Amino acid sequence: MLNDSGIQKSAIITGASRGIGLAIAEKLAAQGMALTISSRTAADLDALVPHLRGLGAHSVTPIAADMADPDSVPAILERHREVNTDLSALIVNAGVGSSGDIADYALRRTP
């Protein structure tokens, strides 16, 4: 799928290895988008690459990352930029369990 400038459309999807994130990845793959998929487990992501390519994804770039680690976010973006020239969609689906005010939420897990 190309954008109006003729550039391949692409998306980053966090939490892409199962549930809602996987369903979104499958829908975007079927539209021919290039995907950067992320979850905490590299093996889960690697297993999804042929599935998403089979659905029609132009390319699939997996990157294992924990969204609770602030260093992961720049790593995902940098890897996406290495492979793609476009970012048409950013799906921030990864979940971390907590409750309380979001302003008080620490990005790093505490032991």
PDB file of N, CA and C in Angstrom:
ATOM      1  N   MET A   1       0.849  -1.166   0.000  1.00  0.00           N
ATOM      2  CA  MET A   1       0.000   0.000   0.000  1.00  0.00           C
ATOM      3  C   MET A   1       0.897   1.232   0.000  1.00  0.00           C
ATOM      4  N   LEU A   2       0.697   2.112  -0.957  1.00  0.00           N
ATOM      5  CA  LEU A   2       1.499   3.316  -1.094  1.00  0.00           C
ATOM      6  C   LEU A   2       0.714   4.530  -0.619  1.00  0.00           C
ATOM      7  N   ASN A   3       1.445   5.510  -0.075  1.00  0.00           N
ATOM      8  CA  ASN A   3       0.781   6.748   0.312  1.00  0.00           C
ATOM      9  C   ASN A   3       0.630   7.637  -0.920  1.00  0.00           C
ATOM     10  N   ASP A   4       0.125   8.846  -0.747  1.00  0.00           N
ATOM     11  CA  ASP A   4      -0.129   9.743  -1.880  1.00  0.00           C
ATOM     12  C   ASP A   4       1.143  10.138  -2.624  1.00  0.00           C
ATOM     13  N   SER A   5       2.285  10.021  -1.972  1.00  0.00           N
ATOM     14  CA  SER A   5       3.565  10.356  -2.599  1.00  0.00           C
ATOM     15  C   SER A   5       4.227   9.145  -3.243  1.00  0.00           C
ATOM     16  N   GLY A   6       3.556   8.008  -3.239  1.00  0.00           N
ATOM     17  CA  GLY A   6       4.115   6.799  -3.828  1.00  0.00           C
ATOM     18  C   GLY A   6       5.084   6.055  -2.929  1.00  0.00           C
ATOM     19  N   ILE A   7       5.103   6.384  -1.653  1.00  0.00           N
ATOM     20  CA  ILE A   7       5.984   5.729  -0.682  1.00  0.00           C
ATOM     21  C   ILE A   7       5.201   4.636   0.039  1.00  0.00           C
ATOM     22  N   GLN A   8       5.858   3.500   0.259  1.00  0.00           N
ATOM     23  CA  GLN A   8       5.239   2.370   0.959  1.00  0.00           C
ATOM     24  C   GLN A   8       4.744   2.786   2.340  1.00  0.00           C
ATOM     25  N   LYS A   9       3.468   2.575   2.617  1.00  0.00           N
ATOM     26  CA  LYS A   9       2.917   2.864   3.943  1.00  0.00           C
ATOM     27  C   LYS A   9       3.427   1.824   4.934  1.00  0.00           C
ATOM     28  N   SER A  10       3.638   2.282   6.167  1.00  0.00           N
ATOM     29  CA  SER A  10       4.125   1.369   7.195  1.00  0.00           C
ATOM     30  C   SER A  10       3.518   1.715   8.549  1.00  0.00           C
ATOM     31  N   ALA A  11       3.616   0.756   9.454  1.00  0.00           N
ATOM     32  CA  ALA A  11       3.065   0.935  10.795  1.00  0.00           C
ATOM     33  C   ALA A  11       3.970   0.276  11.821  1.00  0.00           C
ATOM     34  N   ILE A  12       3.973   0.843  13.009  1.00  0.00           N
ATOM     35  CA  ILE A  12       4.584   0.219  14.184  1.00  0.00           C
ATOM     36  C   ILE A  12       3.436  -0.252  15.051  1.00  0.00           C
ATOM     37  N   ILE A  13       3.531  -1.510  15.496  1.00  0.00           N
ATOM     38  CA  ILE A  13       2.499  -2.068  16.370  1.00  0.00           C
ATOM     39  C   ILE A  13       3.185  -2.680  17.578  1.00  0.00           C
ATOM     40  N   THR A  14       2.920  -2.130  18.768  1.00  0.00           N
ATOM     41  CA  THR A  14       3.442  -2.731  19.989  1.00  0.00           C
ATOM     42  C   THR A  14       2.415  -3.719  20.520  1.00  0.00           C
ATOM     43  N   GLY A  15       2.873  -4.704  21.271  1.00  0.00           N
ATOM     44  CA  GLY A  15       1.968  -5.733  21.770  1.00  0.00           C
ATOM     45  C   GLY A  15       1.372  -6.533  20.637  1.00  0.00           C
ATOM     46  N   ALA A  16       2.174  -6.786  19.602  1.00  0.00           N
ATOM     47  CA  ALA A  16       1.663  -7.372  18.359  1.00  0.00           C
ATOM     48  C   ALA A  16       1.628  -8.896  18.341  1.00  0.00           C
ATOM     49  N   SER A  17       2.101  -9.552  19.378  1.00  0.00           N
ATOM     50  CA  SER A  17       2.212 -11.014  19.305  1.00  0.00           C
ATOM     51  C   SER A  17       0.921 -11.759  19.618  1.00  0.00           C
ATOM     52  N   ARG A  18      -0.079 -11.060  20.156  1.00  0.00           N
ATOM     53  CA  ARG A  18      -1.345 -11.751  20.465  1.00  0.00           C
ATOM     54  C   ARG A  18      -2.462 -10.739  20.680  1.00  0.00           C
ATOM     55  N   GLY A  19      -3.660 -11.245  20.794  1.00  0.00           N
ATOM     56  CA  GLY A  19      -4.823 -10.426  21.125  1.00  0.00           C
ATOM     57  C   GLY A  19      -5.103  -9.318  20.130  1.00  0.00           C
ATOM     58  N   ILE A  20      -5.447  -8.161  20.657  1.00  0.00           N
ATOM     59  CA  ILE A  20      -5.818  -7.022  19.824  1.00  0.00           C
ATOM     60  C   ILE A  20      -4.662  -6.595  18.933  1.00  0.00           C
ATOM     61  N   GLY A  21      -3.445  -6.575  19.470  1.00  0.00           N
ATOM     62  CA  GLY A  21      -2.286  -6.177  18.669  1.00  0.00           C
ATOM     63  C   GLY A  21      -2.086  -7.080  17.470  1.00  0.00           C
ATOM     64  N   LEU A  22      -2.242  -8.379  17.665  1.00  0.00           N
ATOM     65  CA  LEU A  22      -2.109  -9.322  16.555  1.00  0.00           C
ATOM     66  C   LEU A  22      -3.225  -9.110  15.536  1.00  0.00           C
ATOM     67  N   ALA A  23      -4.444  -8.902  15.999  1.00  0.00           N
ATOM     68  CA  ALA A  23      -5.564  -8.676  15.076  1.00  0.00           C
ATOM     69  C   ALA A  23      -5.326  -7.424  14.235  1.00  0.00           C
ATOM     70  N   ILE A  24      -4.797  -6.386  14.843  1.00  0.00           N
ATOM     71  CA  ILE A  24      -4.490  -5.159  14.096  1.00  0.00           C
ATOM     72  C   ILE A  24      -3.380  -5.433  13.087  1.00  0.00           C
ATOM     73  N   ALA A  25      -2.342  -6.141  13.506  1.00  0.00           N
ATOM     74  CA  ALA A  25      -1.238  -6.477  12.596  1.00  0.00           C
ATOM     75  C   ALA A  25      -1.747  -7.275  11.403  1.00  0.00           C
ATOM     76  N   GLU A  26      -2.645  -8.210  11.646  1.00  0.00           N
ATOM     77  CA  GLU A  26      -3.198  -9.017  10.554  1.00  0.00           C
ATOM     78  C   GLU A  26      -3.994  -8.159   9.573  1.00  0.00           C
ATOM     79  N   LYS A  27      -4.791  -7.234  10.083  1.00  0.00           N
ATOM     80  CA  LYS A  27      -5.586  -6.358   9.210  1.00  0.00           C
ATOM     81  C   LYS A  27      -4.688  -5.457   8.364  1.00  0.00           C
ATOM     82  N   LEU A  28      -3.658  -4.891   8.986  1.00  0.00           N
ATOM     83  CA  LEU A  28      -2.756  -4.016   8.242  1.00  0.00           C
ATOM     84  C   LEU A  28      -1.907  -4.809   7.250  1.00  0.00           C
ATOM     85  N   ALA A  29      -1.531  -6.023   7.619  1.00  0.00           N
ATOM     86  CA  ALA A  29      -0.784  -6.888   6.697  1.00  0.00           C
ATOM     87  C   ALA A  29      -1.626  -7.172   5.461  1.00  0.00           C
ATOM     88  N   ALA A  30      -2.895  -7.449   5.666  1.00  0.00           N
ATOM     89  CA  ALA A  30      -3.793  -7.754   4.549  1.00  0.00           C
ATOM     90  C   ALA A  30      -3.972  -6.551   3.619  1.00  0.00           C
ATOM     91  N   GLN A  31      -3.682  -5.358   4.123  1.00  0.00           N
ATOM     92  CA  GLN A  31      -3.748  -4.156   3.298  1.00  0.00           C
ATOM     93  C   GLN A  31      -2.426  -3.878   2.585  1.00  0.00           C
ATOM     94  N   GLY A  32      -1.420  -4.733   2.825  1.00  0.00           N
ATOM     95  CA  GLY A  32      -0.140  -4.589   2.147  1.00  0.00           C
ATOM     96  C   GLY A  32       0.825  -3.609   2.783  1.00  0.00           C
ATOM     97  N   MET A  33       0.595  -3.254   4.033  1.00  0.00           N
ATOM     98  CA  MET A  33       1.494  -2.319   4.703  1.00  0.00           C
ATOM     99  C   MET A  33       2.784  -3.011   5.115  1.00  0.00           C
ATOM    100  N   ALA A  34       3.841  -2.231   5.273  1.00  0.00           N
ATOM    101  CA  ALA A  34       5.082  -2.705   5.882  1.00  0.00           C
ATOM    102  C   ALA A  34       4.912  -2.555   7.389  1.00  0.00           C
ATOM    103  N   LEU A  35       5.288  -3.572   8.142  1.00  0.00           N
ATOM    104  CA  LEU A  35       5.040  -3.573   9.581  1.00  0.00           C
ATOM    105  C   LEU A  35       6.325  -3.693  10.384  1.00  0.00           C
ATOM    106  N   THR A  36       6.391  -2.945  11.471  1.00  0.00           N
ATOM    107  CA  THR A  36       7.370  -3.171  12.525  1.00  0.00           C
ATOM    108  C   THR A  36       6.545  -3.640  13.709  1.00  0.00           C
ATOM    109  N   ILE A  37       6.797  -4.876  14.148  1.00  0.00           N
ATOM    110  CA  ILE A  37       6.010  -5.448  15.232  1.00  0.00           C
ATOM    111  C   ILE A  37       6.885  -5.618  16.460  1.00  0.00           C
ATOM    112  N   SER A  38       6.282  -5.417  17.615  1.00  0.00           N
ATOM    113  CA  SER A  38       7.034  -5.496  18.855  1.00  0.00           C
ATOM    114  C   SER A  38       6.227  -6.217  19.925  1.00  0.00           C
ATOM    115  N   SER A  39       6.936  -6.969  20.731  1.00  0.00           N
ATOM    116  CA  SER A  39       6.429  -7.549  21.971  1.00  0.00           C
ATOM    117  C   SER A  39       7.659  -7.918  22.788  1.00  0.00           C
ATOM    118  N   ARG A  40       7.465  -8.475  23.945  1.00  0.00           N
ATOM    119  CA  ARG A  40       8.610  -8.788  24.800  1.00  0.00           C
ATOM    120  C   ARG A  40       9.382 -10.024  24.363  1.00  0.00           C
ATOM    121  N   THR A  41       8.771 -10.917  23.599  1.00  0.00           N
ATOM    122  CA  THR A  41       9.390 -12.208  23.298  1.00  0.00           C
ATOM    123  C   THR A  41       9.754 -12.322  21.823  1.00  0.00           C
ATOM    124  N   ALA A  42      11.056 -12.393  21.553  1.00  0.00           N
ATOM    125  CA  ALA A  42      11.550 -12.460  20.169  1.00  0.00           C
ATOM    126  C   ALA A  42      11.015 -13.688  19.438  1.00  0.00           C
ATOM    127  N   ALA A  43      10.943 -14.832  20.106  1.00  0.00           N
ATOM    128  CA  ALA A  43      10.489 -16.062  19.444  1.00  0.00           C
ATOM    129  C   ALA A  43       9.040 -15.923  18.957  1.00  0.00           C
ATOM    130  N   ASP A  44       8.196 -15.286  19.754  1.00  0.00           N
ATOM    131  CA  ASP A  44       6.803 -15.075  19.342  1.00  0.00           C
ATOM    132  C   ASP A  44       6.737 -14.202  18.096  1.00  0.00           C
ATOM    133  N   LEU A  45       7.540 -13.156  18.070  1.00  0.00           N
ATOM    134  CA  LEU A  45       7.558 -12.253  16.919  1.00  0.00           C
ATOM    135  C   LEU A  45       8.095 -12.954  15.677  1.00  0.00           C
ATOM    136  N   ASP A  46       9.195 -13.689  15.841  1.00  0.00           N
ATOM    137  CA  ASP A  46       9.795 -14.385  14.702  1.00  0.00           C
ATOM    138  C   ASP A  46       8.816 -15.371  14.078  1.00  0.00           C
ATOM    139  N   ALA A  47       7.999 -16.003  14.909  1.00  0.00           N
ATOM    140  CA  ALA A  47       7.007 -16.956  14.405  1.00  0.00           C
ATOM    141  C   ALA A  47       5.904 -16.247  13.617  1.00  0.00           C
ATOM    142  N   LEU A  48       5.651 -14.987  13.909  1.00  0.00           N
ATOM    143  CA  LEU A  48       4.598 -14.235  13.226  1.00  0.00           C
ATOM    144  C   LEU A  48       5.017 -13.701  11.860  1.00  0.00           C
ATOM    145  N   VAL A  49       6.306 -13.527  11.645  1.00  0.00           N
ATOM    146  CA  VAL A  49       6.769 -12.914  10.394  1.00  0.00           C
ATOM    147  C   VAL A  49       6.211 -13.624   9.164  1.00  0.00           C
ATOM    148  N   PRO A  50       6.378 -14.955   9.023  1.00  0.00           N
ATOM    149  CA  PRO A  50       5.837 -15.599   7.820  1.00  0.00           C
ATOM    150  C   PRO A  50       4.310 -15.520   7.731  1.00  0.00           C
ATOM    151  N   HIS A  51       3.638 -15.561   8.864  1.00  0.00           N
ATOM    152  CA  HIS A  51       2.175 -15.453   8.878  1.00  0.00           C
ATOM    153  C   HIS A  51       1.733 -14.099   8.312  1.00  0.00           C
ATOM    154  N   LEU A  52       2.340 -13.021   8.804  1.00  0.00           N
ATOM    155  CA  LEU A  52       1.959 -11.685   8.355  1.00  0.00           C
ATOM    156  C   LEU A  52       2.370 -11.446   6.910  1.00  0.00           C
ATOM    157  N   ARG A  53       3.522 -11.974   6.514  1.00  0.00           N
ATOM    158  CA  ARG A  53       3.930 -11.867   5.102  1.00  0.00           C
ATOM    159  C   ARG A  53       2.935 -12.624   4.219  1.00  0.00           C
ATOM    160  N   GLY A  54       2.484 -13.775   4.686  1.00  0.00           N
ATOM    161  CA  GLY A  54       1.511 -14.557   3.939  1.00  0.00           C
ATOM    162  C   GLY A  54       0.174 -13.853   3.772  1.00  0.00           C
ATOM    163  N   LEU A  55      -0.152 -12.982   4.718  1.00  0.00           N
ATOM    164  CA  LEU A  55      -1.394 -12.209   4.621  1.00  0.00           C
ATOM    165  C   LEU A  55      -1.260 -11.017   3.671  1.00  0.00           C
ATOM    166  N   GLY A  56      -0.012 -10.691   3.303  1.00  0.00           N
ATOM    167  CA  GLY A  56       0.191  -9.602   2.349  1.00  0.00           C
ATOM    168  C   GLY A  56       1.058  -8.459   2.811  1.00  0.00           C
ATOM    169  N   ALA A  57       1.631  -8.537   4.013  1.00  0.00           N
ATOM    170  CA  ALA A  57       2.500  -7.457   4.475  1.00  0.00           C
ATOM    171  C   ALA A  57       3.665  -7.279   3.512  1.00  0.00           C
ATOM    172  N   HIS A  58       3.955  -6.042   3.153  1.00  0.00           N
ATOM    173  CA  HIS A  58       5.068  -5.735   2.259  1.00  0.00           C
ATOM    174  C   HIS A  58       6.380  -6.199   2.880  1.00  0.00           C
ATOM    175  N   SER A  59       6.554  -5.940   4.151  1.00  0.00           N
ATOM    176  CA  SER A  59       7.703  -6.415   4.925  1.00  0.00           C
ATOM    177  C   SER A  59       7.279  -6.471   6.384  1.00  0.00           C
ATOM    178  N   VAL A  60       8.001  -7.270   7.172  1.00  0.00           N
ATOM    179  CA  VAL A  60       7.704  -7.374   8.604  1.00  0.00           C
ATOM    180  C   VAL A  60       9.038  -7.327   9.342  1.00  0.00           C
ATOM    181  N   THR A  61       9.191  -6.336  10.215  1.00  0.00           N
ATOM    182  CA  THR A  61      10.398  -6.178  11.006  1.00  0.00           C
ATOM    183  C   THR A  61      10.057  -6.409  12.469  1.00  0.00           C
ATOM    184  N   PRO A  62      10.533  -7.524  13.052  1.00  0.00           N
ATOM    185  CA  PRO A  62      10.244  -7.787  14.467  1.00  0.00           C
ATOM    186  C   PRO A  62      11.318  -7.164  15.367  1.00  0.00           C
ATOM    187  N   ILE A  63      10.904  -6.653  16.505  1.00  0.00           N
ATOM    188  CA  ILE A  63      11.858  -6.181  17.504  1.00  0.00           C
ATOM    189  C   ILE A  63      11.297  -6.465  18.893  1.00  0.00           C
ATOM    190  N   ALA A  64      12.030  -7.291  19.634  1.00  0.00           N
ATOM    191  CA  ALA A  64      11.622  -7.614  20.998  1.00  0.00           C
ATOM    192  C   ALA A  64      11.948  -6.431  21.905  1.00  0.00           C
ATOM    193  N   ALA A  65      10.950  -5.991  22.654  1.00  0.00           N
ATOM    194  CA  ALA A  65      11.136  -4.837  23.528  1.00  0.00           C
ATOM    195  C   ALA A  65      10.071  -4.848  24.614  1.00  0.00           C
ATOM    196  N   ASP A  66      10.456  -4.376  25.780  1.00  0.00           N
ATOM    197  CA  ASP A  66       9.531  -4.237  26.904  1.00  0.00           C
ATOM    198  C   ASP A  66       9.155  -2.765  27.006  1.00  0.00           C
ATOM    199  N   MET A  67       7.914  -2.452  26.764  1.00  0.00           N
ATOM    200  CA  MET A  67       7.478  -1.057  26.763  1.00  0.00           C
ATOM    201  C   MET A  67       7.576  -0.396  28.137  1.00  0.00           C
ATOM    202  N   ALA A  68       7.769  -1.183  29.192  1.00  0.00           N
ATOM    203  CA  ALA A  68       7.978  -0.608  30.514  1.00  0.00           C
ATOM    204  C   ALA A  68       9.402  -0.074  30.663  1.00  0.00           C
ATOM    205  N   ASP A  69      10.272  -0.403  29.718  1.00  0.00           N
ATOM    206  CA  ASP A  69      11.656   0.067  29.718  1.00  0.00           C
ATOM    207  C   ASP A  69      11.757   1.267  28.780  1.00  0.00           C
ATOM    208  N   PRO A  70      12.031   2.467  29.303  1.00  0.00           N
ATOM    209  CA  PRO A  70      12.055   3.650  28.446  1.00  0.00           C
ATOM    210  C   PRO A  70      13.091   3.582  27.320  1.00  0.00           C
ATOM    211  N   ASP A  71      14.113   2.762  27.454  1.00  0.00           N
ATOM    212  CA  ASP A  71      15.104   2.626  26.381  1.00  0.00           C
ATOM    213  C   ASP A  71      14.557   1.845  25.192  1.00  0.00           C
ATOM    214  N   SER A  72      13.481   1.109  25.387  1.00  0.00           N
ATOM    215  CA  SER A  72      12.901   0.309  24.310  1.00  0.00           C
ATOM    216  C   SER A  72      12.236   1.159  23.234  1.00  0.00           C
ATOM    217  N   VAL A  73      11.603   2.223  23.641  1.00  0.00           N
ATOM    218  CA  VAL A  73      10.855   3.045  22.688  1.00  0.00           C
ATOM    219  C   VAL A  73      11.769   3.612  21.594  1.00  0.00           C
ATOM    220  N   PRO A  74      12.883   4.258  21.951  1.00  0.00           N
ATOM    221  CA  PRO A  74      13.768   4.749  20.886  1.00  0.00           C
ATOM    222  C   PRO A  74      14.334   3.620  20.021  1.00  0.00           C
ATOM    223  N   ALA A  75      14.564   2.463  20.596  1.00  0.00           N
ATOM    224  CA  ALA A  75      15.093   1.331  19.824  1.00  0.00           C
ATOM    225  C   ALA A  75      14.083   0.872  18.772  1.00  0.00           C
ATOM    226  N   ILE A  76      12.812   0.838  19.123  1.00  0.00           N
ATOM    227  CA  ILE A  76      11.770   0.454  18.168  1.00  0.00           C
ATOM    228  C   ILE A  76      11.711   1.469  17.029  1.00  0.00           C
ATOM    229  N   LEU A  77      11.699   2.736  17.376  1.00  0.00           N
ATOM    230  CA  LEU A  77      11.634   3.783  16.355  1.00  0.00           C
ATOM    231  C   LEU A  77      12.849   3.760  15.442  1.00  0.00           C
ATOM    232  N   GLU A  78      14.028   3.592  16.006  1.00  0.00           N
ATOM    233  CA  GLU A  78      15.247   3.565  15.198  1.00  0.00           C
ATOM    234  C   GLU A  78      15.253   2.377  14.242  1.00  0.00           C
ATOM    235  N   ARG A  79      14.846   1.216  14.729  1.00  0.00           N
ATOM    236  CA  ARG A  79      14.811   0.036  13.850  1.00  0.00           C
ATOM    237  C   ARG A  79      13.802   0.251  12.721  1.00  0.00           C
ATOM    238  N   HIS A  80      12.659   0.839  13.052  1.00  0.00           N
ATOM    239  CA  HIS A  80      11.656   1.117  12.022  1.00  0.00           C
ATOM    240  C   HIS A  80      12.232   2.050  10.954  1.00  0.00           C
ATOM    241  N   ARG A  81      12.935   3.099  11.397  1.00  0.00           N
ATOM    242  CA  ARG A  81      13.525   4.063  10.461  1.00  0.00           C
ATOM    243  C   ARG A  81      14.597   3.448   9.584  1.00  0.00           C
ATOM    244  N   GLU A  82      15.310   2.449  10.088  1.00  0.00           N
ATOM    245  CA  GLU A  82      16.341   1.774   9.295  1.00  0.00           C
ATOM    246  C   GLU A  82      15.738   1.051   8.095  1.00  0.00           C
ATOM    247  N   VAL A  83      14.499   0.599   8.240  1.00  0.00           N
ATOM    248  CA  VAL A  83      13.855  -0.236   7.217  1.00  0.00           C
ATOM    249  C   VAL A  83      12.842   0.542   6.377  1.00  0.00           C
ATOM    250  N   ASN A  84      12.203   1.544   6.957  1.00  0.00           N
ATOM    251  CA  ASN A  84      11.089   2.239   6.301  1.00  0.00           C
ATOM    252  C   ASN A  84      11.337   3.741   6.206  1.00  0.00           C
ATOM    253  N   THR A  85      10.754   4.352   5.200  1.00  0.00           N
ATOM    254  CA  THR A  85      10.843   5.808   5.055  1.00  0.00           C
ATOM    255  C   THR A  85       9.558   6.499   5.479  1.00  0.00           C
ATOM    256  N   ASP A  86       8.537   5.731   5.835  1.00  0.00           N
ATOM    257  CA  ASP A  86       7.224   6.257   6.176  1.00  0.00           C
ATOM    258  C   ASP A  86       6.791   5.705   7.536  1.00  0.00           C
ATOM    259  N   LEU A  87       5.956   6.454   8.213  1.00  0.00           N
ATOM    260  CA  LEU A  87       5.239   5.943   9.380  1.00  0.00           C
ATOM    261  C   LEU A  87       3.810   6.444   9.253  1.00  0.00           C
ATOM    262  N   SER A  88       2.949   5.578   8.739  1.00  0.00           N
ATOM    263  CA  SER A  88       1.555   5.937   8.510  1.00  0.00           C
ATOM    264  C   SER A  88       0.693   5.711   9.740  1.00  0.00           C
ATOM    265  N   ALA A  89       1.074   4.730  10.564  1.00  0.00           N
ATOM    266  CA  ALA A  89       0.263   4.400  11.741  1.00  0.00           C
ATOM    267  C   ALA A  89       1.164   3.964  12.891  1.00  0.00           C
ATOM    268  N   LEU A  90       0.825   4.415  14.069  1.00  0.00           N
ATOM    269  CA  LEU A  90       1.504   4.012  15.298  1.00  0.00           C
ATOM    270  C   LEU A  90       0.445   3.427  16.215  1.00  0.00           C
ATOM    271  N   ILE A  91       0.526   2.124  16.439  1.00  0.00           N
ATOM    272  CA  ILE A  91      -0.445   1.424  17.277  1.00  0.00           C
ATOM    273  C   ILE A  91       0.253   1.070  18.589  1.00  0.00           C
ATOM    274  N   VAL A  92      -0.045   1.824  19.640  1.00  0.00           N
ATOM    275  CA  VAL A  92       0.569   1.600  20.950  1.00  0.00           C
ATOM    276  C   VAL A  92      -0.410   0.734  21.738  1.00  0.00           C
ATOM    277  N   ASN A  93      -0.220  -0.581  21.611  1.00  0.00           N
ATOM    278  CA  ASN A  93      -1.151  -1.539  22.159  1.00  0.00           C
ATOM    279  C   ASN A  93      -0.587  -2.305  23.356  1.00  0.00           C
ATOM    280  N   ALA A  94       0.716  -2.273  23.544  1.00  0.00           N
ATOM    281  CA  ALA A  94       1.327  -3.054  24.625  1.00  0.00           C
ATOM    282  C   ALA A  94       0.766  -2.616  25.965  1.00  0.00           C
ATOM    283  N   GLY A  95       0.455  -3.579  26.794  1.00  0.00           N
ATOM    284  CA  GLY A  95      -0.102  -3.269  28.099  1.00  0.00           C
ATOM    285  C   GLY A  95       0.873  -3.570  29.215  1.00  0.00           C
ATOM    286  N   VAL A  96       0.798  -2.779  30.237  1.00  0.00           N
ATOM    287  CA  VAL A  96       1.546  -3.041  31.465  1.00  0.00           C
ATOM    288  C   VAL A  96       0.544  -2.944  32.596  1.00  0.00           C
ATOM    289  N   GLY A  97       0.615  -3.855  33.522  1.00  0.00           N
ATOM    290  CA  GLY A  97      -0.368  -3.885  34.597  1.00  0.00           C
ATOM    291  C   GLY A  97      -0.051  -2.896  35.698  1.00  0.00           C
ATOM    292  N   SER A  98      -0.999  -2.030  35.988  1.00  0.00           N
ATOM    293  CA  SER A  98      -0.879  -1.116  37.114  1.00  0.00           C
ATOM    294  C   SER A  98      -2.226  -0.446  37.328  1.00  0.00           C
ATOM    295  N   SER A  99      -2.327   0.249  38.420  1.00  0.00           N
ATOM    296  CA  SER A  99      -3.523   1.048  38.653  1.00  0.00           C
ATOM    297  C   SER A  99      -3.101   2.327  39.360  1.00  0.00           C
ATOM    298  N   GLY A 100      -3.887   3.358  39.214  1.00  0.00           N
ATOM    299  CA  GLY A 100      -3.579   4.651  39.812  1.00  0.00           C
ATOM    300  C   GLY A 100      -3.536   5.729  38.765  1.00  0.00           C
ATOM    301  N   ASP A 101      -3.142   6.911  39.172  1.00  0.00           N
ATOM    302  CA  ASP A 101      -3.053   8.045  38.258  1.00  0.00           C
ATOM    303  C   ASP A 101      -1.898   7.855  37.293  1.00  0.00           C
ATOM    304  N   ILE A 102      -2.143   8.117  36.035  1.00  0.00           N
ATOM    305  CA  ILE A 102      -1.108   7.926  35.023  1.00  0.00           C
ATOM    306  C   ILE A 102       0.087   8.851  35.283  1.00  0.00           C
ATOM    307  N   ALA A 103      -0.138  10.005  35.829  1.00  0.00           N
ATOM    308  CA  ALA A 103       0.953  10.938  36.119  1.00  0.00           C
ATOM    309  C   ALA A 103       1.920  10.365  37.152  1.00  0.00           C
ATOM    310  N   ASP A 104       1.447   9.429  37.972  1.00  0.00           N
ATOM    311  CA  ASP A 104       2.286   8.837  39.009  1.00  0.00           C
ATOM    312  C   ASP A 104       2.936   7.533  38.574  1.00  0.00           C
ATOM    313  N   TYR A 105       2.664   7.084  37.348  1.00  0.00           N
ATOM    314  CA  TYR A 105       3.157   5.797  36.879  1.00  0.00           C
ATOM    315  C   TYR A 105       4.620   5.887  36.474  1.00  0.00           C
ATOM    316  N   ALA A 106       5.440   5.022  37.030  1.00  0.00           N
ATOM    317  CA  ALA A 106       6.857   4.947  36.663  1.00  0.00           C
ATOM    318  C   ALA A 106       7.006   4.042  35.452  1.00  0.00           C
ATOM    319  N   LEU A 107       7.814   4.456  34.487  1.00  0.00           N
ATOM    320  CA  LEU A 107       8.012   3.620  33.299  1.00  0.00           C
ATOM    321  C   LEU A 107       8.820   2.374  33.618  1.00  0.00           C
ATOM    322  N   ARG A 108       9.735   2.465  34.541  1.00  0.00           N
ATOM    323  CA  ARG A 108      10.546   1.288  34.889  1.00  0.00           C
ATOM    324  C   ARG A 108       9.847   0.486  35.983  1.00  0.00           C
ATOM    325  N   ARG A 109       9.941  -0.830  35.844  1.00  0.00           N
ATOM    326  CA  ARG A 109       9.403  -1.705  36.881  1.00  0.00           C
ATOM    327  C   ARG A 109      10.316  -1.668  38.095  1.00  0.00           C
ATOM    328  N   THR A 110       9.729  -1.776  39.235  1.00  0.00           N
ATOM    329  CA  THR A 110      10.527  -1.867  40.452  1.00  0.00           C
ATOM    330  C   THR A 110      10.451  -3.289  40.967  1.00  0.00           C
ATOM    331  N   PRO A 111      11.559  -3.784  41.492  1.00  0.00           N
ATOM    332  CA  PRO A 111      11.560  -5.192  41.970  1.00  0.00           C
ATOM    333  C   PRO A 111      10.610  -5.435  43.113  1.00  0.00           C
TER     334      PRO A 111
END
